[in-house]
C-alpha atoms as a PDB file:
ATOM      1  CA  MET A   1      70.368 -28.779  35.565  1.00  0.00           C
ATOM      2  CA  ARG A   2      73.991 -29.939  35.540  1.00  0.00           C
ATOM      3  CA  ASP A   3      73.749 -31.124  31.936  1.00  0.00           C
ATOM      4  CA  ALA A   4      73.510 -28.051  29.724  1.00  0.00           C
ATOM      5  CA  ASP A   5      73.055 -29.934  26.449  1.00  0.00           C
ATOM      6  CA  HIS A   6      69.237 -30.003  26.587  1.00  0.00           C
ATOM      7  CA  ARG A   7      67.077 -28.148  24.045  1.00  0.00           C
ATOM      8  CA  ALA A   8      63.628 -26.662  24.495  1.00  0.00           C
ATOM      9  CA  ASP A   9      60.984 -25.089  22.326  1.00  0.00           C
ATOM     10  CA  LEU A  10      60.307 -21.454  23.134  1.00  0.00           C
ATOM     11  CA  SER A  11      56.988 -19.627  23.055  1.00  0.00           C
ATOM     12  CA  GLN A  12      56.156 -17.228  20.233  1.00  0.00           C
ATOM     13  CA  ASP A  13      56.229 -14.295  22.656  1.00  0.00           C
ATOM     14  CA  VAL A  14      59.793 -15.119  23.688  1.00  0.00           C
ATOM     15  CA  LEU A  15      60.895 -15.551  20.072  1.00  0.00           C
ATOM     16  CA  TYR A  16      59.293 -12.226  19.115  1.00  0.00           C
ATOM     17  CA  SER A  17      61.115 -10.533  21.980  1.00  0.00           C
ATOM     18  CA  ILE A  18      64.420 -11.977  20.799  1.00  0.00           C
ATOM     19  CA  ILE A  19      63.740 -10.693  17.279  1.00  0.00           C
ATOM     20  CA  GLU A  20      62.906  -7.247  18.669  1.00  0.00           C
ATOM     21  CA  THR A  21      66.137  -7.281  20.616  1.00  0.00           C
ATOM     22  CA  GLN A  22      68.019  -8.187  17.453  1.00  0.00           C
ATOM     23  CA  THR A  23      66.530  -5.132  15.739  1.00  0.00           C
ATOM     24  CA  GLU A  24      67.608  -2.887  18.621  1.00  0.00           C
ATOM     25  CA  VAL A  25      71.105  -4.383  18.551  1.00  0.00           C
ATOM     26  CA  ALA A  26      71.326  -3.470  14.864  1.00  0.00           C
ATOM     27  CA  ARG A  27      70.335   0.121  15.667  1.00  0.00           C
ATOM     28  CA  LEU A  28      73.137   0.420  18.218  1.00  0.00           C
ATOM     29  CA  GLY A  29      75.693  -0.254  15.499  1.00  0.00           C
ATOM     30  CA  LEU A  30      79.256  -0.471  16.818  1.00  0.00           C
ATOM     31  CA  ASP A  31      78.484   0.494  20.429  1.00  0.00           C
ATOM     32  CA  LEU A  32      79.426  -2.864  21.891  1.00  0.00           C
ATOM     33  CA  GLY A  33      79.178  -1.685  25.496  1.00  0.00           C
ATOM     34  CA  ALA A  34      75.585  -0.534  24.955  1.00  0.00           C
ATOM     35  CA  ILE A  35      74.771  -3.797  23.165  1.00  0.00           C
ATOM     36  CA  MET A  36      76.032  -5.809  26.124  1.00  0.00           C
ATOM     37  CA  GLU A  37      73.923  -3.743  28.524  1.00  0.00           C
ATOM     38  CA  LEU A  38      70.850  -4.126  26.321  1.00  0.00           C
ATOM     39  CA  VAL A  39      71.178  -7.890  25.921  1.00  0.00           C
ATOM     40  CA  ALA A  40      71.895  -8.432  29.616  1.00  0.00           C
ATOM     41  CA  GLY A  41      68.741  -6.540  30.558  1.00  0.00           C
ATOM     42  CA  ARG A  42      66.610  -8.368  28.015  1.00  0.00           C
ATOM     43  CA  VAL A  43      67.873 -11.846  28.846  1.00  0.00           C
ATOM     44  CA  GLN A  44      67.182 -11.249  32.539  1.00  0.00           C
ATOM     45  CA  ASN A  45      63.560 -10.369  31.733  1.00  0.00           C
ATOM     46  CA  LEU A  46      63.031 -13.143  29.194  1.00  0.00           C
ATOM     47  CA  ALA A  47      64.470 -15.824  31.479  1.00  0.00           C
ATOM     48  CA  GLY A  48      62.764 -14.472  34.595  1.00  0.00           C
ATOM     49  CA  ALA A  49      66.184 -14.396  36.243  1.00  0.00           C
ATOM     50  CA  ALA A  50      67.219 -12.240  39.187  1.00  0.00           C
ATOM     51  CA  GLY A  51      70.158 -10.860  37.257  1.00  0.00           C
ATOM     52  CA  ALA A  52      72.280 -11.173  34.126  1.00  0.00           C
ATOM     53  CA  ILE A  53      75.967 -10.592  33.474  1.00  0.00           C
ATOM     54  CA  VAL A  54      78.285 -10.249  30.497  1.00  0.00           C
ATOM     55  CA  GLU A  55      81.852 -11.258  31.332  1.00  0.00           C
ATOM     56  CA  LEU A  56      84.838 -10.891  29.022  1.00  0.00           C
ATOM     57  CA  ALA A  57      87.993 -12.951  29.324  1.00  0.00           C
ATOM     58  CA  GLU A  58      90.959 -10.649  29.875  1.00  0.00           C
ATOM     59  CA  GLY A  59      94.248 -12.422  30.502  1.00  0.00           C
ATOM     60  CA  GLU A  60      93.791 -14.836  33.370  1.00  0.00           C
ATOM     61  CA  GLU A  61      90.616 -13.147  34.590  1.00  0.00           C
ATOM     62  CA  MET A  62      86.929 -12.873  33.752  1.00  0.00           C
ATOM     63  CA  VAL A  63      85.684  -9.289  34.088  1.00  0.00           C
ATOM     64  CA  TYR A  64      82.072  -8.136  34.562  1.00  0.00           C
ATOM     65  CA  ARG A  65      81.464  -5.709  31.654  1.00  0.00           C
ATOM     66  CA  ALA A  66      77.656  -5.519  31.913  1.00  0.00           C
ATOM     67  CA  ALA A  67      75.458  -6.464  34.852  1.00  0.00           C
ATOM     68  CA  THR A  68      71.775  -6.125  35.730  1.00  0.00           C
ATOM     69  CA  GLY A  69      69.435  -6.927  38.604  1.00  0.00           C
ATOM     70  CA  LEU A  70      71.075  -8.853  41.425  1.00  0.00           C
ATOM     71  CA  ALA A  71      74.542  -8.251  39.937  1.00  0.00           C
ATOM     72  CA  ALA A  72      74.115  -4.579  38.955  1.00  0.00           C
ATOM     73  CA  GLY A  73      76.429  -3.322  41.687  1.00  0.00           C
ATOM     74  CA  GLN A  74      79.229  -5.700  40.703  1.00  0.00           C
ATOM     75  CA  LEU A  75      80.379  -4.078  37.439  1.00  0.00           C
ATOM     76  CA  GLY A  76      84.140  -4.430  37.150  1.00  0.00           C
ATOM     77  CA  LEU A  77      84.264  -7.521  39.388  1.00  0.00           C
ATOM     78  CA  ARG A  78      87.190  -9.747  38.415  1.00  0.00           C
ATOM     79  CA  LEU A  79      87.288 -13.545  38.773  1.00  0.00           C
ATOM     80  CA  ARG A  80      90.113 -15.988  38.177  1.00  0.00           C
ATOM     81  CA  ARG A  81      89.387 -17.871  34.973  1.00  0.00           C
ATOM     82  CA  GLU A  82      90.768 -21.152  36.253  1.00  0.00           C
ATOM     83  CA  SER A  83      88.484 -21.263  39.291  1.00  0.00           C
ATOM     84  CA  SER A  84      85.181 -19.995  37.865  1.00  0.00           C
ATOM     85  CA  LEU A  85      82.353 -21.550  35.902  1.00  0.00           C
ATOM     86  CA  SER A  86      82.654 -18.718  33.389  1.00  0.00           C
ATOM     87  CA  GLY A  87      86.311 -19.568  32.785  1.00  0.00           C
ATOM     88  CA  LEU A  88      85.402 -23.210  32.227  1.00  0.00           C
ATOM     89  CA  CYS A  89      82.701 -22.114  29.785  1.00  0.00           C
ATOM     90  CA  VAL A  90      85.237 -20.075  27.792  1.00  0.00           C
ATOM     91  CA  ALA A  91      87.784 -22.905  27.875  1.00  0.00           C
ATOM     92  CA  GLY A  92      85.301 -25.513  26.682  1.00  0.00           C
ATOM     93  CA  GLY A  93      83.212 -23.330  24.400  1.00  0.00           C
ATOM     94  CA  LYS A  94      79.889 -24.742  25.612  1.00  0.00           C
ATOM     95  CA  ALA A  95      77.108 -23.721  27.968  1.00  0.00           C
ATOM     96  CA  LEU A  96      77.304 -24.804  31.600  1.00  0.00           C
ATOM     97  CA  ALA A  97      74.856 -24.743  34.491  1.00  0.00           C
ATOM     98  CA  CYS A  98      75.236 -24.641  38.255  1.00  0.00           C
ATOM     99  CA  ASP A  99      72.290 -25.827  40.346  1.00  0.00           C
ATOM    100  CA  ASP A 100      73.763 -24.722  43.681  1.00  0.00           C
ATOM    101  CA  SER A 101      76.969 -22.743  44.095  1.00  0.00           C
ATOM    102  CA  GLU A 102      77.339 -23.958  47.670  1.00  0.00           C
ATOM    103  CA  ASP A 103      78.100 -27.528  46.603  1.00  0.00           C
ATOM    104  CA  ASP A 104      79.525 -27.079  43.080  1.00  0.00           C
ATOM    105  CA  PRO A 105      83.352 -27.367  43.066  1.00  0.00           C
ATOM    106  CA  ARG A 106      83.622 -25.637  39.665  1.00  0.00           C
ATOM    107  CA  VAL A 107      82.533 -22.207  40.859  1.00  0.00           C
ATOM    108  CA  ASP A 108      84.206 -19.330  42.688  1.00  0.00           C
ATOM    109  CA  ARG A 109      82.097 -19.673  45.830  1.00  0.00           C
ATOM    110  CA  GLU A 110      83.346 -16.466  47.423  1.00  0.00           C
ATOM    111  CA  ALA A 111      82.404 -14.450  44.318  1.00  0.00           C
ATOM    112  CA  CYS A 112      78.983 -16.130  44.200  1.00  0.00           C
ATOM    113  CA  ARG A 113      78.328 -15.131  47.800  1.00  0.00           C
ATOM    114  CA  LYS A 114      79.485 -11.594  47.042  1.00  0.00           C
ATOM    115  CA  VAL A 115      76.986 -11.300  44.198  1.00  0.00           C
ATOM    116  CA  GLY A 116      74.307 -13.142  46.180  1.00  0.00           C
ATOM    117  CA  LEU A 117      73.683 -15.953  43.684  1.00  0.00           C
ATOM    118  CA  ARG A 118      73.090 -19.660  44.249  1.00  0.00           C
ATOM    119  CA  SER A 119      72.307 -20.926  40.750  1.00  0.00           C
ATOM    120  CA  MET A 120      73.342 -19.824  37.269  1.00  0.00           C
ATOM    121  CA  VAL A 121      73.669 -20.724  33.622  1.00  0.00           C
ATOM    122  CA  VAL A 122      76.502 -19.461  31.400  1.00  0.00           C
ATOM    123  CA  ALA A 123      76.738 -19.516  27.598  1.00  0.00           C
ATOM    124  CA  PRO A 124      79.888 -18.655  25.627  1.00  0.00           C
ATOM    125  CA  LEU A 125      80.273 -15.466  23.609  1.00  0.00           C
ATOM    126  CA  VAL A 126      82.077 -16.501  20.460  1.00  0.00           C
ATOM    127  CA  HIS A 127      84.107 -14.058  18.376  1.00  0.00           C
ATOM    128  CA  GLY A 128      85.089 -15.647  15.077  1.00  0.00           C
ATOM    129  CA  GLU A 129      85.613 -19.195  16.292  1.00  0.00           C
ATOM    130  CA  THR A 130      87.050 -18.258  19.676  1.00  0.00           C
ATOM    131  CA  PRO A 131      85.076 -17.988  22.929  1.00  0.00           C
ATOM    132  CA  VAL A 132      86.000 -14.612  24.441  1.00  0.00           C
ATOM    133  CA  GLY A 133      83.446 -14.263  27.210  1.00  0.00           C
ATOM    134  CA  VAL A 134      80.126 -15.446  28.594  1.00  0.00           C
ATOM    135  CA  LEU A 135      76.533 -14.360  29.011  1.00  0.00           C
ATOM    136  CA  LYS A 136      75.229 -15.459  32.402  1.00  0.00           C
ATOM    137  CA  ILE A 137      71.858 -15.513  34.170  1.00  0.00           C
ATOM    138  CA  VAL A 138      71.721 -15.875  37.944  1.00  0.00           C
ATOM    139  CA  SER A 139      69.325 -16.472  40.819  1.00  0.00           C
ATOM    140  CA  PRO A 140      69.672 -16.223  44.610  1.00  0.00           C
ATOM    141  CA  GLU A 141      67.798 -19.537  44.871  1.00  0.00           C
ATOM    142  CA  PRO A 142      69.205 -22.986  44.034  1.00  0.00           C
ATOM    143  CA  ARG A 143      67.873 -25.181  41.183  1.00  0.00           C
ATOM    144  CA  VAL A 144      65.956 -22.458  39.368  1.00  0.00           C
ATOM    145  CA  PHE A 145      66.981 -22.841  35.727  1.00  0.00           C
ATOM    146  CA  HIS A 146      65.843 -25.399  33.154  1.00  0.00           C
ATOM    147  CA  ALA A 147      66.289 -26.238  29.473  1.00  0.00           C
ATOM    148  CA  GLU A 148      64.212 -23.297  28.190  1.00  0.00           C
ATOM    149  CA  HIS A 149      66.418 -20.857  30.106  1.00  0.00           C
ATOM    150  CA  LEU A 150      69.479 -22.334  28.439  1.00  0.00           C
ATOM    151  CA  ARG A 151      67.905 -21.967  24.994  1.00  0.00           C
ATOM    152  CA  ILE A 152      67.083 -18.291  25.636  1.00  0.00           C
ATOM    153  CA  LEU A 153      70.634 -17.709  26.842  1.00  0.00           C
ATOM    154  CA  GLU A 154      72.179 -19.335  23.776  1.00  0.00           C
ATOM    155  CA  LEU A 155      70.071 -17.277  21.351  1.00  0.00           C
ATOM    156  CA  MET A 156      70.777 -14.021  23.172  1.00  0.00           C
ATOM    157  CA  SER A 157      74.507 -14.738  23.444  1.00  0.00           C
ATOM    158  CA  GLY A 158      74.463 -15.154  19.679  1.00  0.00           C
ATOM    159  CA  LEU A 159      73.299 -11.549  19.332  1.00  0.00           C
ATOM    160  CA  ILE A 160      76.351 -10.292  21.222  1.00  0.00           C
ATOM    161  CA  GLY A 161      78.610 -12.642  19.263  1.00  0.00           C
ATOM    162  CA  ALA A 162      77.291 -11.264  15.981  1.00  0.00           C
ATOM    163  CA  ALA A 163      77.766  -7.706  17.206  1.00  0.00           C
ATOM    164  CA  MET A 164      81.354  -8.538  18.127  1.00  0.00           C
ATOM    165  CA  TYR A 165      81.990  -9.865  14.634  1.00  0.00           C
ATOM    166  CA  PHE A 166      80.592  -6.845  12.834  1.00  0.00           C
ATOM    167  CA  SER A 167      82.169  -4.414  15.307  1.00  0.00           C
ATOM    168  CA  ALA A 168      85.722  -5.627  15.194  1.00  0.00           C
ATOM    169  CA  LYS A 169      86.114  -8.413  12.620  1.00  0.00           C
ATOM    170  CA  TYR A 170      89.057 -10.453  13.933  1.00  0.00           C
ATOM    171  CA  GLU A 171      90.832  -7.816  16.026  1.00  0.00           C
ATOM    172  CA  VAL A 172      90.294  -9.158  19.562  1.00  0.00           C
ATOM    173  CA  ARG A 173      92.044  -6.148  21.101  1.00  0.00           C
ATOM    174  CA  GLU A 174      89.500  -3.892  19.418  1.00  0.00           C
ATOM    175  CA  LEU A 175      86.710  -5.825  21.154  1.00  0.00           C
ATOM    176  CA  TYR A 176      87.888  -4.681  24.555  1.00  0.00           C
ATOM    177  CA  ARG A 177      88.076  -1.066  23.422  1.00  0.00           C
ATOM    178  CA  LEU A 178      84.543  -1.222  22.035  1.00  0.00           C
ATOM    179  CA  ALA A 179      83.273  -2.918  25.186  1.00  0.00           C
ATOM    180  CA  THR A 180      84.787  -0.356  27.549  1.00  0.00           C
ATOM    181  CA  ARG A 181      84.482   2.967  25.688  1.00  0.00           C
ATOM    182  CA  ASP A 182      81.480   5.228  25.251  1.00  0.00           C
ATOM    183  CA  SER A 183      80.740   5.485  21.544  1.00  0.00           C
ATOM    184  CA  LEU A 184      79.584   9.127  21.645  1.00  0.00           C
ATOM    185  CA  THR A 185      82.444  10.680  23.634  1.00  0.00           C
ATOM    186  CA  GLY A 186      85.261   8.144  23.407  1.00  0.00           C
ATOM    187  CA  LEU A 187      85.551   8.258  27.196  1.00  0.00           C
ATOM    188  CA  ALA A 188      85.461   5.260  29.514  1.00  0.00           C
ATOM    189  CA  ASN A 189      81.974   3.791  29.846  1.00  0.00           C
ATOM    190  CA  ARG A 190      80.205   2.717  33.038  1.00  0.00           C
ATOM    191  CA  ALA A 191      81.738  -0.775  32.992  1.00  0.00           C
ATOM    192  CA  LEU A 192      85.310   0.508  32.737  1.00  0.00           C
ATOM    193  CA  PHE A 193      84.591   3.205  35.345  1.00  0.00           C
ATOM    194  CA  TYR A 194      83.477   0.578  37.881  1.00  0.00           C
ATOM    195  CA  ASP A 195      86.405  -1.660  36.980  1.00  0.00           C
ATOM    196  CA  ARG A 196      88.983   1.089  37.505  1.00  0.00           C
ATOM    197  CA  LEU A 197      87.306   2.335  40.670  1.00  0.00           C
ATOM    198  CA  ARG A 198      87.380  -1.164  42.191  1.00  0.00           C
ATOM    199  CA  LEU A 199      91.095  -1.479  41.411  1.00  0.00           C
ATOM    200  CA  CYS A 200      91.807   2.033  42.660  1.00  0.00           C
ATOM    201  CA  LEU A 201      89.992   1.473  45.962  1.00  0.00           C
ATOM    202  CA  ALA A 202      91.731  -1.865  46.490  1.00  0.00           C
ATOM    203  CA  GLN A 203      95.138  -0.232  46.039  1.00  0.00           C
ATOM    204  CA  ALA A 204      94.225   2.793  48.170  1.00  0.00           C
ATOM    205  CA  GLY A 205      92.816   0.595  50.918  1.00  0.00           C
ATOM    206  CA  ARG A 206      96.197  -1.037  51.478  1.00  0.00           C
ATOM    207  CA  ASN A 207      97.891   2.251  52.329  1.00  0.00           C
ATOM    208  CA  GLU A 208      94.873   4.362  53.351  1.00  0.00           C
ATOM    209  CA  LYS A 209      95.439   6.898  50.559  1.00  0.00           C
ATOM    210  CA  PRO A 210      92.448   9.103  49.689  1.00  0.00           C
ATOM    211  CA  VAL A 211      90.602   8.635  46.407  1.00  0.00           C
ATOM    212  CA  GLY A 212      88.101  11.198  45.153  1.00  0.00           C
ATOM    213  CA  VAL A 213      84.989  10.386  43.144  1.00  0.00           C
ATOM    214  CA  LEU A 214      83.024  13.046  41.287  1.00  0.00           C
ATOM    215  CA  ASN A 215      79.553  12.574  39.870  1.00  0.00           C
ATOM    216  CA  PHE A 216      78.102  15.251  37.613  1.00  0.00           C
ATOM    217  CA  ASP A 217      75.394  15.827  35.074  1.00  0.00           C
ATOM    218  CA  LEU A 218      74.762  18.668  32.671  1.00  0.00           C
ATOM    219  CA  ASP A 219      72.455  21.574  33.435  1.00  0.00           C
ATOM    220  CA  GLY A 220      70.861  23.173  30.415  1.00  0.00           C
ATOM    221  CA  LEU A 221      70.968  20.136  28.133  1.00  0.00           C
ATOM    222  CA  LYS A 222      67.167  19.892  27.843  1.00  0.00           C
ATOM    223  CA  ALA A 223      66.979  23.488  26.653  1.00  0.00           C
ATOM    224  CA  ILE A 224      69.635  22.772  24.024  1.00  0.00           C
ATOM    225  CA  ASN A 225      67.774  19.676  22.809  1.00  0.00           C
ATOM    226  CA  ASP A 226      64.453  21.524  22.716  1.00  0.00           C
ATOM    227  CA  THR A 227      65.818  24.586  20.927  1.00  0.00           C
ATOM    228  CA  HIS A 228      68.505  23.197  18.645  1.00  0.00           C
ATOM    229  CA  GLY A 229      67.724  19.471  18.367  1.00  0.00           C
ATOM    230  CA  HIS A 230      69.388  16.297  19.594  1.00  0.00           C
ATOM    231  CA  ARG A 231      72.391  16.697  17.311  1.00  0.00           C
ATOM    232  CA  ALA A 232      73.247  19.802  19.303  1.00  0.00           C
ATOM    233  CA  GLY A 233      72.592  17.906  22.530  1.00  0.00           C
ATOM    234  CA  ASP A 234      74.996  15.140  21.472  1.00  0.00           C
ATOM    235  CA  ALA A 235      77.584  17.774  20.569  1.00  0.00           C
ATOM    236  CA  ALA A 236      77.166  19.318  24.026  1.00  0.00           C
ATOM    237  CA  ILE A 237      77.693  15.940  25.703  1.00  0.00           C
ATOM    238  CA  ARG A 238      80.824  15.294  23.634  1.00  0.00           C
ATOM    239  CA  GLU A 239      82.189  18.752  24.373  1.00  0.00           C
ATOM    240  CA  ALA A 240      81.502  18.470  28.111  1.00  0.00           C
ATOM    241  CA  GLY A 241      83.245  15.103  28.229  1.00  0.00           C
ATOM    242  CA  GLN A 242      86.331  16.377  26.451  1.00  0.00           C
ATOM    243  CA  ARG A 243      86.469  19.481  28.625  1.00  0.00           C
ATOM    244  CA  ALA A 244      86.258  17.366  31.767  1.00  0.00           C
ATOM    245  CA  ARG A 245      89.056  15.173  30.426  1.00  0.00           C
ATOM    246  CA  SER A 246      91.241  18.194  29.677  1.00  0.00           C
ATOM    247  CA  ALA A 247      90.717  19.525  33.217  1.00  0.00           C
ATOM    248  CA  THR A 248      91.922  16.329  34.920  1.00  0.00           C
ATOM    249  CA  ARG A 249      95.261  14.560  35.260  1.00  0.00           C
ATOM    250  CA  ASP A 250      96.462  11.599  33.210  1.00  0.00           C
ATOM    251  CA  ALA A 251      96.080   9.309  36.231  1.00  0.00           C
ATOM    252  CA  ASP A 252      92.400  10.243  36.609  1.00  0.00           C
ATOM    253  CA  THR A 253      89.508   8.541  34.812  1.00  0.00           C
ATOM    254  CA  VAL A 254      86.650  10.469  33.212  1.00  0.00           C
ATOM    255  CA  ALA A 255      83.685   8.336  32.156  1.00  0.00           C
ATOM    256  CA  ARG A 256      80.303   8.855  30.613  1.00  0.00           C
ATOM    257  CA  LEU A 257      77.974   6.795  32.781  1.00  0.00           C
ATOM    258  CA  GLY A 258      74.902   7.262  30.572  1.00  0.00           C
ATOM    259  CA  GLY A 259      72.786  10.080  29.175  1.00  0.00           C
ATOM    260  CA  ASP A 260      74.281  13.346  30.437  1.00  0.00           C
ATOM    261  CA  GLU A 261      75.773  11.733  33.573  1.00  0.00           C
ATOM    262  CA  PHE A 262      79.546  11.571  34.033  1.00  0.00           C
ATOM    263  CA  GLY A 263      81.867  10.152  36.657  1.00  0.00           C
ATOM    264  CA  VAL A 264      85.464  11.053  37.512  1.00  0.00           C
ATOM    265  CA  ILE A 265      87.959   9.041  39.558  1.00  0.00           C
ATOM    266  CA  LEU A 266      90.559  11.308  41.154  1.00  0.00           C
ATOM    267  CA  ALA A 267      93.274   8.735  41.733  1.00  0.00           C
ATOM    268  CA  GLU A 268      95.715  11.236  43.174  1.00  0.00           C
ATOM    269  CA  ALA A 269      93.569  13.356  45.516  1.00  0.00           C
ATOM    270  CA  PRO A 270      95.666  13.951  48.656  1.00  0.00           C
ATOM    271  CA  ASP A 271      92.786  15.608  50.524  1.00  0.00           C
ATOM    272  CA  ARG A 272      89.272  17.039  50.198  1.00  0.00           C
ATOM    273  CA  GLN A 273      90.507  20.494  49.276  1.00  0.00           C
ATOM    274  CA  SER A 274      92.426  19.209  46.264  1.00  0.00           C
ATOM    275  CA  ALA A 275      89.413  17.160  45.175  1.00  0.00           C
ATOM    276  CA  GLN A 276      87.190  20.233  45.474  1.00  0.00           C
ATOM    277  CA  GLN A 277      89.688  22.200  43.385  1.00  0.00           C
ATOM    278  CA  ALA A 278      89.548  19.479  40.706  1.00  0.00           C
ATOM    279  CA  ALA A 279      85.750  19.702  40.677  1.00  0.00           C
ATOM    280  CA  ALA A 280      85.950  23.481  40.355  1.00  0.00           C
ATOM    281  CA  ARG A 281      88.334  23.187  37.372  1.00  0.00           C
ATOM    282  CA  ILE A 282      85.929  20.863  35.588  1.00  0.00           C
ATOM    283  CA  ALA A 283      82.984  23.163  36.309  1.00  0.00           C
ATOM    284  CA  ARG A 284      84.860  26.196  34.951  1.00  0.00           C
ATOM    285  CA  GLU A 285      85.705  24.387  31.730  1.00  0.00           C
ATOM    286  CA  ILE A 286      82.185  23.116  31.152  1.00  0.00           C
ATOM    287  CA  ARG A 287      80.642  26.543  31.793  1.00  0.00           C
ATOM    288  CA  LYS A 288      82.505  28.088  28.883  1.00  0.00           C
ATOM    289  CA  PRO A 289      80.055  28.551  25.975  1.00  0.00           C
ATOM    290  CA  PHE A 290      80.708  26.615  22.793  1.00  0.00           C
ATOM    291  CA  LEU A 291      79.638  26.978  19.205  1.00  0.00           C
ATOM    292  CA  PHE A 292      77.389  24.539  17.383  1.00  0.00           C
ATOM    293  CA  GLU A 293      76.677  25.403  13.766  1.00  0.00           C
ATOM    294  CA  ASP A 294      77.173  29.132  14.488  1.00  0.00           C
ATOM    295  CA  ALA A 295      74.926  28.974  17.561  1.00  0.00           C
ATOM    296  CA  ARG A 296      76.535  29.979  20.854  1.00  0.00           C
ATOM    297  CA  LEU A 297      75.301  27.480  23.459  1.00  0.00           C
ATOM    298  CA  ALA A 298      75.496  27.801  27.237  1.00  0.00           C
ATOM    299  CA  LEU A 299      76.137  24.757  29.403  1.00  0.00           C
ATOM    300  CA  ASP A 300      76.672  24.116  33.092  1.00  0.00           C
ATOM    301  CA  ALA A 301      77.183  21.171  35.444  1.00  0.00           C
ATOM    302  CA  SER A 302      76.182  20.132  38.953  1.00  0.00           C
ATOM    303  CA  ILE A 303      79.062  18.232  40.561  1.00  0.00           C
ATOM    304  CA  GLY A 304      79.037  16.054  43.676  1.00  0.00           C
ATOM    305  CA  LEU A 305      82.137  14.820  45.525  1.00  0.00           C
ATOM    306  CA  ALA A 306      82.818  11.869  47.818  1.00  0.00           C
ATOM    307  CA  LEU A 307      86.195  10.935  49.304  1.00  0.00           C
ATOM    308  CA  PHE A 308      87.556   7.504  50.225  1.00  0.00           C
ATOM    309  CA  PRO A 309      87.968   6.575  53.061  1.00  0.00           C
ATOM    310  CA  GLU A 310      86.575   9.677  54.781  1.00  0.00           C
ATOM    311  CA  ASP A 311      83.045   9.516  53.326  1.00  0.00           C
ATOM    312  CA  ALA A 312      82.785   5.787  52.611  1.00  0.00           C
ATOM    313  CA  ARG A 313      85.009   2.732  52.438  1.00  0.00           C
ATOM    314  CA  ASP A 314      83.209   0.717  49.764  1.00  0.00           C
ATOM    315  CA  LEU A 315      82.351   1.405  46.144  1.00  0.00           C
ATOM    316  CA  GLU A 316      78.561   1.434  46.396  1.00  0.00           C
ATOM    317  CA  ASN A 317      78.389   3.844  49.349  1.00  0.00           C
ATOM    318  CA  LEU A 318      81.078   6.075  47.870  1.00  0.00           C
ATOM    319  CA  LEU A 319      79.112   6.467  44.632  1.00  0.00           C
ATOM    320  CA  GLU A 320      75.901   7.013  46.591  1.00  0.00           C
ATOM    321  CA  LYS A 321      77.536   9.816  48.605  1.00  0.00           C
ATOM    322  CA  ALA A 322      78.802  11.498  45.418  1.00  0.00           C
ATOM    323  CA  ASP A 323      75.362  11.192  43.825  1.00  0.00           C
ATOM    324  CA  ARG A 324      73.629  12.730  46.835  1.00  0.00           C
ATOM    325  CA  ALA A 325      76.148  15.572  46.924  1.00  0.00           C
ATOM    326  CA  MET A 326      75.455  16.284  43.251  1.00  0.00           C
ATOM    327  CA  TYR A 327      71.715  16.535  43.828  1.00  0.00           C
ATOM    328  CA  ARG A 328      72.221  18.748  46.865  1.00  0.00           C
ATOM    329  CA  GLU A 329      74.207  21.139  44.708  1.00  0.00           C
ATOM    330  CA  LYS A 330      71.565  21.004  41.965  1.00  0.00           C
ATOM    331  CA  ARG A 331      68.748  21.751  44.426  1.00  0.00           C
ATOM    332  CA  GLY A 332      70.735  24.545  46.020  1.00  0.00           C
ATOM    333  CA  ARG A 333      71.432  26.215  42.688  1.00  0.00           C
ATOM    334  CA  LYS A 334      67.786  25.967  41.661  1.00  0.00           C
ATOM    335  CA  ALA A 335      66.719  27.539  44.953  1.00  0.00           C
ATOM    336  CA  SER A 336      69.210  30.403  44.603  1.00  0.00           C
ATOM    337  CA  ASN A 337      68.023  31.081  41.049  1.00  0.00           C
ATOM    338  CA  ALA A 338      64.325  30.963  41.902  1.00  0.00           C
ATOM    339  CA  PRO A 339      62.422  34.263  41.587  1.00  0.00           C
ATOM    340  CA  ARG A 340      61.917  36.084  44.890  1.00  0.00           C
END
């Protein structure tokens, strides 16, 4: 489907799903990062694609700011605008399709192989009258997409475009803040966390400097929600995020990855001991009780650590090691607190 100017009628079920998605987008308000994640997930399902991606144009690069399915592990991936189909889509302001990335000179073939895709369709995300990014669906097989897939993509990209307009009016700089910050805590969101971790690992890999990654979630949040309501739970999440931020250095990144899960990039961790000390500082801060509407609430955190390059040399395995370490700590604490 090299010509992306076709149109197709969509079934009622698909149209209803798009309307439902529009309603959910409205509920998310100004949380542009969450809107991008929602639309990417929905467009993947509606189009029967293997994955979906939202890319924003930032300088001379296209950056993955939301990714699902096949591309889920590639958040933060950066492509050169001038040598990618997404960049061409932004430059021309119209949808484009690639039937097979192996013989299409317009695509970044190395990036396609990294993601594992062979065919794709991209539609522009328009802010005001300016294309500022793309919504993309992908497949590991060639020649998968047709006119109806393009129509779905165009309608869904319009939802993100509308959210951009109402979120930031004509301040393009504000778009990037909204797309990369968690609306509840003001911390980096998952997309920015992956982006910064990729850059950090690339820099560290050149000189073999250690980088620490912490993964933690909150213990006791369910009890707070059950006893005091979700407003108290949201307050606890905000407080934990700010306490983690205050316990780290300016060079470090603290991010809310979703729900009560947080990630920390320790960019200046000379060794495991210093990374463990950083984790201990965060834990001490979070464990301090805080007041919510005159109620004194207790909170705790289970924290897992992984160190580059000692524990893993790539992003996915490093995060997996940190996640496993967190759950080992959680299980160990539960066992030690169990009645004997």
